[in-house]
């Protein structure tokens, strides 16, 4: 499990309740393919470290255009930080 930078809460009867820490996952499949799902996060510098250590062939990130960075920035982070092309 990795860091993800995103606040998290739920609404219950008009009250905001803290929903826990955001996170991402690194999954290594049989055969050696590695996937990194960043979760619902903004781009952050440790993505470079994740790329160097785990070398994911597949990188996934949430694409909620109204929040955080759009798809162009997230795709750029996949290339620059992770070394992933997917």
PDB file of N, CA and C in Angstrom:
ATOM      1  N   UNK A   1       0.847  -1.174   0.000  1.00  0.00           N
ATOM      2  CA  UNK A   1       0.000   0.000   0.000  1.00  0.00           C
ATOM      3  C   UNK A   1       0.891   1.236   0.000  1.00  0.00           C
ATOM      4  N   UNK A   2       0.477   2.254  -0.755  1.00  0.00           N
ATOM      5  CA  UNK A   2       1.258   3.474  -0.879  1.00  0.00           C
ATOM      6  C   UNK A   2       0.455   4.684  -0.414  1.00  0.00           C
ATOM      7  N   UNK A   3       1.155   5.798  -0.249  1.00  0.00           N
ATOM      8  CA  UNK A   3       0.480   7.061   0.055  1.00  0.00           C
ATOM      9  C   UNK A   3      -0.368   7.513  -1.112  1.00  0.00           C
ATOM     10  N   UNK A   4      -1.393   8.254  -0.795  1.00  0.00           N
ATOM     11  CA  UNK A   4      -2.162   9.015  -1.776  1.00  0.00           C
ATOM     12  C   UNK A   4      -2.536  10.311  -1.067  1.00  0.00           C
ATOM     13  N   UNK A   5      -2.478  11.411  -1.776  1.00  0.00           N
ATOM     14  CA  UNK A   5      -2.755  12.702  -1.159  1.00  0.00           C
ATOM     15  C   UNK A   5      -4.144  13.170  -1.563  1.00  0.00           C
ATOM     16  N   UNK A   6      -5.067  12.949  -0.661  1.00  0.00           N
ATOM     17  CA  UNK A   6      -6.467  13.285  -0.916  1.00  0.00           C
ATOM     18  C   UNK A   6      -7.197  13.257   0.418  1.00  0.00           C
ATOM     19  N   UNK A   7      -8.059  14.219   0.631  1.00  0.00           N
ATOM     20  CA  UNK A   7      -8.865  14.184   1.851  1.00  0.00           C
ATOM     21  C   UNK A   7     -10.036  13.238   1.626  1.00  0.00           C
ATOM     22  N   UNK A   8     -10.607  12.752   2.699  1.00  0.00           N
ATOM     23  CA  UNK A   8     -11.649  11.751   2.588  1.00  0.00           C
ATOM     24  C   UNK A   8     -12.670  11.965   3.699  1.00  0.00           C
ATOM     25  N   UNK A   9     -13.913  12.119   3.310  1.00  0.00           N
ATOM     26  CA  UNK A   9     -14.967  12.235   4.314  1.00  0.00           C
ATOM     27  C   UNK A   9     -16.279  11.749   3.718  1.00  0.00           C
ATOM     28  N   UNK A  10     -17.218  11.477   4.580  1.00  0.00           N
ATOM     29  CA  UNK A  10     -18.565  11.099   4.162  1.00  0.00           C
ATOM     30  C   UNK A  10     -19.547  12.025   4.871  1.00  0.00           C
ATOM     31  N   UNK A  11     -20.708  12.160   4.297  1.00  0.00           N
ATOM     32  CA  UNK A  11     -21.727  12.999   4.920  1.00  0.00           C
ATOM     33  C   UNK A  11     -22.795  12.099   5.533  1.00  0.00           C
ATOM     34  N   UNK A  12     -23.104  12.358   6.776  1.00  0.00           N
ATOM     35  CA  UNK A  12     -24.118  11.588   7.499  1.00  0.00           C
ATOM     36  C   UNK A  12     -25.059  12.562   8.197  1.00  0.00           C
ATOM     37  N   UNK A  13     -26.272  12.644   7.734  1.00  0.00           N
ATOM     38  CA  UNK A  13     -27.276  13.559   8.289  1.00  0.00           C
ATOM     39  C   UNK A  13     -26.765  14.993   8.366  1.00  0.00           C
ATOM     40  N   UNK A  14     -26.113  15.447   7.282  1.00  0.00           N
ATOM     41  CA  UNK A  14     -25.612  16.817   7.225  1.00  0.00           C
ATOM     42  C   UNK A  14     -24.301  17.052   7.943  1.00  0.00           C
ATOM     43  N   UNK A  15     -23.721  16.031   8.539  1.00  0.00           N
ATOM     44  CA  UNK A  15     -22.454  16.161   9.262  1.00  0.00           C
ATOM     45  C   UNK A  15     -21.343  15.476   8.482  1.00  0.00           C
ATOM     46  N   UNK A  16     -20.198  16.154   8.332  1.00  0.00           N
ATOM     47  CA  UNK A  16     -19.032  15.567   7.675  1.00  0.00           C
ATOM     48  C   UNK A  16     -18.273  14.692   8.667  1.00  0.00           C
ATOM     49  N   UNK A  17     -18.012  13.463   8.263  1.00  0.00           N
ATOM     50  CA  UNK A  17     -17.297  12.510   9.114  1.00  0.00           C
ATOM     51  C   UNK A  17     -16.035  12.071   8.383  1.00  0.00           C
ATOM     52  N   UNK A  18     -14.907  12.125   9.058  1.00  0.00           N
ATOM     53  CA  UNK A  18     -13.625  11.718   8.498  1.00  0.00           C
ATOM     54  C   UNK A  18     -13.712  10.277   8.028  1.00  0.00           C
ATOM     55  N   UNK A  19     -13.248  10.007   6.799  1.00  0.00           N
ATOM     56  CA  UNK A  19     -13.393   8.681   6.213  1.00  0.00           C
ATOM     57  C   UNK A  19     -12.142   7.834   6.186  1.00  0.00           C
ATOM     58  N   UNK A  20     -11.029   8.313   6.734  1.00  0.00           N
ATOM     59  CA  UNK A  20      -9.808   7.516   6.748  1.00  0.00           C
ATOM     60  C   UNK A  20      -8.780   8.020   5.751  1.00  0.00           C
ATOM     61  N   UNK A  21      -7.628   7.382   5.748  1.00  0.00           N
ATOM     62  CA  UNK A  21      -6.517   7.769   4.879  1.00  0.00           C
ATOM     63  C   UNK A  21      -6.737   7.264   3.460  1.00  0.00           C
ATOM     64  N   UNK A  22      -6.346   8.087   2.505  1.00  0.00           N
ATOM     65  CA  UNK A  22      -6.355   7.664   1.099  1.00  0.00           C
ATOM     66  C   UNK A  22      -5.125   6.797   0.851  1.00  0.00           C
ATOM     67  N   UNK A  23      -5.187   5.938  -0.143  1.00  0.00           N
ATOM     68  CA  UNK A  23      -4.046   5.077  -0.427  1.00  0.00           C
ATOM     69  C   UNK A  23      -4.047   4.569  -1.846  1.00  0.00           C
ATOM     70  N   UNK A  24      -2.911   4.060  -2.248  1.00  0.00           N
ATOM     71  CA  UNK A  24      -2.751   3.406  -3.541  1.00  0.00           C
ATOM     72  C   UNK A  24      -2.205   2.010  -3.310  1.00  0.00           C
ATOM     73  N   UNK A  25      -2.139   1.236  -4.389  1.00  0.00           N
ATOM     74  CA  UNK A  25      -1.681  -0.154  -4.270  1.00  0.00           C
ATOM     75  C   UNK A  25      -0.701  -0.511  -5.366  1.00  0.00           C
ATOM     76  N   UNK A  26       0.237  -1.353  -5.017  1.00  0.00           N
ATOM     77  CA  UNK A  26       1.155  -1.964  -5.972  1.00  0.00           C
ATOM     78  C   UNK A  26       0.842  -3.451  -5.954  1.00  0.00           C
ATOM     79  N   UNK A  27       0.564  -3.990  -7.135  1.00  0.00           N
ATOM     80  CA  UNK A  27       0.202  -5.407  -7.245  1.00  0.00           C
ATOM     81  C   UNK A  27       1.146  -6.058  -8.243  1.00  0.00           C
ATOM     82  N   UNK A  28       1.811  -7.128  -7.815  1.00  0.00           N
ATOM     83  CA  UNK A  28       2.669  -7.905  -8.713  1.00  0.00           C
ATOM     84  C   UNK A  28       1.940  -9.207  -9.026  1.00  0.00           C
ATOM     85  N   UNK A  29       1.651  -9.409 -10.301  1.00  0.00           N
ATOM     86  CA  UNK A  29       0.897 -10.578 -10.746  1.00  0.00           C
ATOM     87  C   UNK A  29       1.834 -11.732 -11.078  1.00  0.00           C
ATOM     88  N   UNK A  30       1.309 -12.970 -11.061  1.00  0.00           N
ATOM     89  CA  UNK A  30       2.113 -14.109 -11.524  1.00  0.00           C
ATOM     90  C   UNK A  30       2.601 -13.821 -12.944  1.00  0.00           C
ATOM     91  N   UNK A  31       3.816 -14.148 -13.211  1.00  0.00           N
ATOM     92  CA  UNK A  31       4.403 -13.842 -14.506  1.00  0.00           C
ATOM     93  C   UNK A  31       5.209 -12.561 -14.484  1.00  0.00           C
ATOM     94  N   UNK A  32       5.138 -11.814 -13.373  1.00  0.00           N
ATOM     95  CA  UNK A  32       6.003 -10.663 -13.184  1.00  0.00           C
ATOM     96  C   UNK A  32       5.452  -9.306 -13.553  1.00  0.00           C
ATOM     97  N   UNK A  33       4.238  -9.216 -14.095  1.00  0.00           N
ATOM     98  CA  UNK A  33       3.670  -7.905 -14.431  1.00  0.00           C
ATOM     99  C   UNK A  33       3.318  -7.167 -13.139  1.00  0.00           C
ATOM    100  N   UNK A  34       3.721  -5.890 -13.064  1.00  0.00           N
ATOM    101  CA  UNK A  34       3.452  -5.079 -11.876  1.00  0.00           C
ATOM    102  C   UNK A  34       2.532  -3.926 -12.241  1.00  0.00           C
ATOM    103  N   UNK A  35       1.506  -3.732 -11.417  1.00  0.00           N
ATOM    104  CA  UNK A  35       0.525  -2.667 -11.592  1.00  0.00           C
ATOM    105  C   UNK A  35       0.596  -1.730 -10.397  1.00  0.00           C
ATOM    106  N   UNK A  36       0.544  -0.448 -10.655  1.00  0.00           N
ATOM    107  CA  UNK A  36       0.443   0.552  -9.592  1.00  0.00           C
ATOM    108  C   UNK A  36      -0.859   1.308  -9.790  1.00  0.00           C
ATOM    109  N   UNK A  37      -1.743   1.216  -8.818  1.00  0.00           N
ATOM    110  CA  UNK A  37      -2.967   2.027  -8.831  1.00  0.00           C
ATOM    111  C   UNK A  37      -2.764   3.120  -7.801  1.00  0.00           C
ATOM    112  N   UNK A  38      -2.690   4.365  -8.276  1.00  0.00           N
ATOM    113  CA  UNK A  38      -2.365   5.488  -7.406  1.00  0.00           C
ATOM    114  C   UNK A  38      -3.504   5.880  -6.478  1.00  0.00           C
ATOM    115  N   UNK A  39      -4.699   5.360  -6.721  1.00  0.00           N
ATOM    116  CA  UNK A  39      -5.839   5.779  -5.923  1.00  0.00           C
ATOM    117  C   UNK A  39      -6.282   7.165  -6.356  1.00  0.00           C
ATOM    118  N   UNK A  40      -7.055   7.807  -5.536  1.00  0.00           N
ATOM    119  CA  UNK A  40      -7.564   9.150  -5.839  1.00  0.00           C
ATOM    120  C   UNK A  40      -6.593  10.154  -5.246  1.00  0.00           C
ATOM    121  N   UNK A  41      -5.575  10.514  -6.008  1.00  0.00           N
ATOM    122  CA  UNK A  41      -4.507  11.363  -5.492  1.00  0.00           C
ATOM    123  C   UNK A  41      -4.088  12.399  -6.516  1.00  0.00           C
ATOM    124  N   UNK A  42      -3.451  13.429  -6.030  1.00  0.00           N
ATOM    125  CA  UNK A  42      -2.753  14.366  -6.903  1.00  0.00           C
ATOM    126  C   UNK A  42      -1.381  13.770  -7.207  1.00  0.00           C
ATOM    127  N   UNK A  43      -0.714  14.312  -8.183  1.00  0.00           N
ATOM    128  CA  UNK A  43       0.645  13.884  -8.497  1.00  0.00           C
ATOM    129  C   UNK A  43       1.556  14.300  -7.343  1.00  0.00           C
ATOM    130  N   UNK A  44       2.467  13.415  -6.935  1.00  0.00           N
ATOM    131  CA  UNK A  44       3.400  13.733  -5.860  1.00  0.00           C
ATOM    132  C   UNK A  44       4.760  13.113  -6.145  1.00  0.00           C
ATOM    133  N   UNK A  45       5.798  13.708  -5.586  1.00  0.00           N
ATOM    134  CA  UNK A  45       7.175  13.355  -5.902  1.00  0.00           C
ATOM    135  C   UNK A  45       7.559  11.916  -5.625  1.00  0.00           C
ATOM    136  N   UNK A  46       6.968  11.278  -4.630  1.00  0.00           N
ATOM    137  CA  UNK A  46       7.325   9.896  -4.316  1.00  0.00           C
ATOM    138  C   UNK A  46       6.884   8.913  -5.395  1.00  0.00           C
ATOM    139  N   UNK A  47       6.081   9.371  -6.348  1.00  0.00           N
ATOM    140  CA  UNK A  47       5.737   8.496  -7.475  1.00  0.00           C
ATOM    141  C   UNK A  47       7.004   8.091  -8.222  1.00  0.00           C
ATOM    142  N   UNK A  48       7.992   8.971  -8.250  1.00  0.00           N
ATOM    143  CA  UNK A  48       9.268   8.648  -8.892  1.00  0.00           C
ATOM    144  C   UNK A  48       9.950   7.487  -8.167  1.00  0.00           C
ATOM    145  N   UNK A  49       9.936   7.525  -6.847  1.00  0.00           N
ATOM    146  CA  UNK A  49      10.519   6.455  -6.047  1.00  0.00           C
ATOM    147  C   UNK A  49       9.758   5.139  -6.252  1.00  0.00           C
ATOM    148  N   UNK A  50       8.450   5.220  -6.304  1.00  0.00           N
ATOM    149  CA  UNK A  50       7.626   4.026  -6.568  1.00  0.00           C
ATOM    150  C   UNK A  50       8.021   3.423  -7.911  1.00  0.00           C
ATOM    151  N   UNK A  51       8.209   4.294  -8.924  1.00  0.00           N
ATOM    152  CA  UNK A  51       8.629   3.820 -10.242  1.00  0.00           C
ATOM    153  C   UNK A  51      10.000   3.167 -10.230  1.00  0.00           C
ATOM    154  N   UNK A  52      10.933   3.755  -9.488  1.00  0.00           N
ATOM    155  CA  UNK A  52      12.292   3.214  -9.435  1.00  0.00           C
ATOM    156  C   UNK A  52      12.351   1.880  -8.709  1.00  0.00           C
ATOM    157  N   UNK A  53      11.598   1.735  -7.634  1.00  0.00           N
ATOM    158  CA  UNK A  53      11.650   0.515  -6.829  1.00  0.00           C
ATOM    159  C   UNK A  53      10.836  -0.616  -7.452  1.00  0.00           C
ATOM    160  N   UNK A  54       9.600  -0.329  -7.850  1.00  0.00           N
ATOM    161  CA  UNK A  54       8.679  -1.384  -8.285  1.00  0.00           C
ATOM    162  C   UNK A  54       8.581  -1.530  -9.798  1.00  0.00           C
ATOM    163  N   UNK A  55       9.003  -0.525 -10.564  1.00  0.00           N
ATOM    164  CA  UNK A  55       8.998  -0.552 -12.022  1.00  0.00           C
ATOM    165  C   UNK A  55       7.674  -1.075 -12.603  1.00  0.00           C
ATOM    166  N   UNK A  56       6.568  -0.412 -12.300  1.00  0.00           N
ATOM    167  CA  UNK A  56       5.278  -0.905 -12.800  1.00  0.00           C
ATOM    168  C   UNK A  56       5.160  -0.787 -14.316  1.00  0.00           C
ATOM    169  N   UNK A  57       4.685  -1.851 -14.946  1.00  0.00           N
ATOM    170  CA  UNK A  57       4.406  -1.813 -16.379  1.00  0.00           C
ATOM    171  C   UNK A  57       3.069  -1.134 -16.656  1.00  0.00           C
ATOM    172  N   UNK A  58       2.180  -1.177 -15.670  1.00  0.00           N
ATOM    173  CA  UNK A  58       0.850  -0.583 -15.802  1.00  0.00           C
ATOM    174  C   UNK A  58       0.643   0.375 -14.639  1.00  0.00           C
ATOM    175  N   UNK A  59       0.215   1.607 -14.950  1.00  0.00           N
ATOM    176  CA  UNK A  59      -0.078   2.599 -13.910  1.00  0.00           C
ATOM    177  C   UNK A  59      -1.495   3.101 -14.112  1.00  0.00           C
ATOM    178  N   UNK A  60      -2.242   3.187 -13.018  1.00  0.00           N
ATOM    179  CA  UNK A  60      -3.622   3.656 -13.066  1.00  0.00           C
ATOM    180  C   UNK A  60      -3.816   4.767 -12.048  1.00  0.00           C
ATOM    181  N   UNK A  61      -4.677   5.729 -12.390  1.00  0.00           N
ATOM    182  CA  UNK A  61      -5.009   6.820 -11.470  1.00  0.00           C
ATOM    183  C   UNK A  61      -6.444   7.251 -11.730  1.00  0.00           C
ATOM    184  N   UNK A  62      -7.089   7.733 -10.699  1.00  0.00           N
ATOM    185  CA  UNK A  62      -8.451   8.249 -10.848  1.00  0.00           C
ATOM    186  C   UNK A  62      -8.425   9.462 -11.767  1.00  0.00           C
ATOM    187  N   UNK A  63      -9.462   9.638 -12.548  1.00  0.00           N
ATOM    188  CA  UNK A  63      -9.555  10.783 -13.451  1.00  0.00           C
ATOM    189  C   UNK A  63     -10.840  11.540 -13.139  1.00  0.00           C
ATOM    190  N   UNK A  64     -10.785  12.343 -12.096  1.00  0.00           N
ATOM    191  CA  UNK A  64     -11.932  13.183 -11.750  1.00  0.00           C
ATOM    192  C   UNK A  64     -11.547  14.592 -12.128  1.00  0.00           C
ATOM    193  N   UNK A  65     -11.953  15.002 -13.306  1.00  0.00           N
ATOM    194  CA  UNK A  65     -11.492  16.260 -13.878  1.00  0.00           C
ATOM    195  C   UNK A  65     -11.842  17.476 -13.028  1.00  0.00           C
ATOM    196  N   UNK A  66     -12.832  17.364 -12.183  1.00  0.00           N
ATOM    197  CA  UNK A  66     -13.205  18.524 -11.369  1.00  0.00           C
ATOM    198  C   UNK A  66     -12.276  18.698 -10.173  1.00  0.00           C
ATOM    199  N   UNK A  67     -11.501  17.685  -9.834  1.00  0.00           N
ATOM    200  CA  UNK A  67     -10.598  17.745  -8.684  1.00  0.00           C
ATOM    201  C   UNK A  67      -9.183  17.401  -9.114  1.00  0.00           C
ATOM    202  N   UNK A  68      -8.227  17.831  -8.362  1.00  0.00           N
ATOM    203  CA  UNK A  68      -6.815  17.484  -8.559  1.00  0.00           C
ATOM    204  C   UNK A  68      -6.342  17.885  -9.946  1.00  0.00           C
ATOM    205  N   UNK A  69      -5.545  17.043 -10.545  1.00  0.00           N
ATOM    206  CA  UNK A  69      -4.991  17.285 -11.868  1.00  0.00           C
ATOM    207  C   UNK A  69      -5.807  16.511 -12.893  1.00  0.00           C
ATOM    208  N   UNK A  70      -5.867  17.031 -14.081  1.00  0.00           N
ATOM    209  CA  UNK A  70      -6.595  16.372 -15.160  1.00  0.00           C
ATOM    210  C   UNK A  70      -5.802  15.218 -15.755  1.00  0.00           C
ATOM    211  N   UNK A  71      -6.358  14.564 -16.764  1.00  0.00           N
ATOM    212  CA  UNK A  71      -5.722  13.390 -17.355  1.00  0.00           C
ATOM    213  C   UNK A  71      -4.370  13.676 -18.001  1.00  0.00           C
ATOM    214  N   UNK A  72      -4.174  14.873 -18.555  1.00  0.00           N
ATOM    215  CA  UNK A  72      -2.901  15.204 -19.195  1.00  0.00           C
ATOM    216  C   UNK A  72      -1.766  15.203 -18.170  1.00  0.00           C
ATOM    217  N   UNK A  73      -2.001  15.797 -17.006  1.00  0.00           N
ATOM    218  CA  UNK A  73      -0.972  15.843 -15.960  1.00  0.00           C
ATOM    219  C   UNK A  73      -0.731  14.446 -15.404  1.00  0.00           C
ATOM    220  N   UNK A  74      -1.766  13.673 -15.202  1.00  0.00           N
ATOM    221  CA  UNK A  74      -1.584  12.321 -14.664  1.00  0.00           C
ATOM    222  C   UNK A  74      -0.844  11.430 -15.646  1.00  0.00           C
ATOM    223  N   UNK A  75      -1.136  11.577 -16.928  1.00  0.00           N
ATOM    224  CA  UNK A  75      -0.412  10.784 -17.925  1.00  0.00           C
ATOM    225  C   UNK A  75       1.062  11.190 -17.921  1.00  0.00           C
ATOM    226  N   UNK A  76       1.331  12.476 -17.814  1.00  0.00           N
ATOM    227  CA  UNK A  76       2.709  12.958 -17.762  1.00  0.00           C
ATOM    228  C   UNK A  76       3.435  12.381 -16.553  1.00  0.00           C
ATOM    229  N   UNK A  77       2.749  12.302 -15.421  1.00  0.00           N
ATOM    230  CA  UNK A  77       3.385  11.742 -14.227  1.00  0.00           C
ATOM    231  C   UNK A  77       3.703  10.272 -14.430  1.00  0.00           C
ATOM    232  N   UNK A  78       2.861   9.562 -15.157  1.00  0.00           N
ATOM    233  CA  UNK A  78       3.123   8.141 -15.425  1.00  0.00           C
ATOM    234  C   UNK A  78       4.415   7.988 -16.219  1.00  0.00           C
ATOM    235  N   UNK A  79       4.635   8.851 -17.208  1.00  0.00           N
ATOM    236  CA  UNK A  79       5.864   8.780 -17.989  1.00  0.00           C
ATOM    237  C   UNK A  79       7.069   9.257 -17.193  1.00  0.00           C
ATOM    238  N   UNK A  80       6.954  10.433 -16.590  1.00  0.00           N
ATOM    239  CA  UNK A  80       8.107  11.054 -15.941  1.00  0.00           C
ATOM    240  C   UNK A  80       8.496  10.370 -14.646  1.00  0.00           C
ATOM    241  N   UNK A  81       7.529  10.060 -13.814  1.00  0.00           N
ATOM    242  CA  UNK A  81       7.828   9.513 -12.498  1.00  0.00           C
ATOM    243  C   UNK A  81       7.916   7.997 -12.488  1.00  0.00           C
ATOM    244  N   UNK A  82       7.003   7.348 -13.169  1.00  0.00           N
ATOM    245  CA  UNK A  82       6.914   5.897 -13.047  1.00  0.00           C
ATOM    246  C   UNK A  82       7.692   5.155 -14.117  1.00  0.00           C
ATOM    247  N   UNK A  83       7.970   5.813 -15.233  1.00  0.00           N
ATOM    248  CA  UNK A  83       8.628   5.107 -16.323  1.00  0.00           C
ATOM    249  C   UNK A  83       7.648   4.180 -17.029  1.00  0.00           C
ATOM    250  N   UNK A  84       6.369   4.313 -16.712  1.00  0.00           N
ATOM    251  CA  UNK A  84       5.338   3.457 -17.302  1.00  0.00           C
ATOM    252  C   UNK A  84       4.828   4.093 -18.573  1.00  0.00           C
ATOM    253  N   UNK A  85       4.417   3.288 -19.518  1.00  0.00           N
ATOM    254  CA  UNK A  85       3.842   3.830 -20.741  1.00  0.00           C
ATOM    255  C   UNK A  85       2.379   3.468 -20.902  1.00  0.00           C
ATOM    256  N   UNK A  86       1.771   2.908 -19.877  1.00  0.00           N
ATOM    257  CA  UNK A  86       0.369   2.517 -19.937  1.00  0.00           C
ATOM    258  C   UNK A  86      -0.419   3.266 -18.895  1.00  0.00           C
TER     259      UNK A  86
END
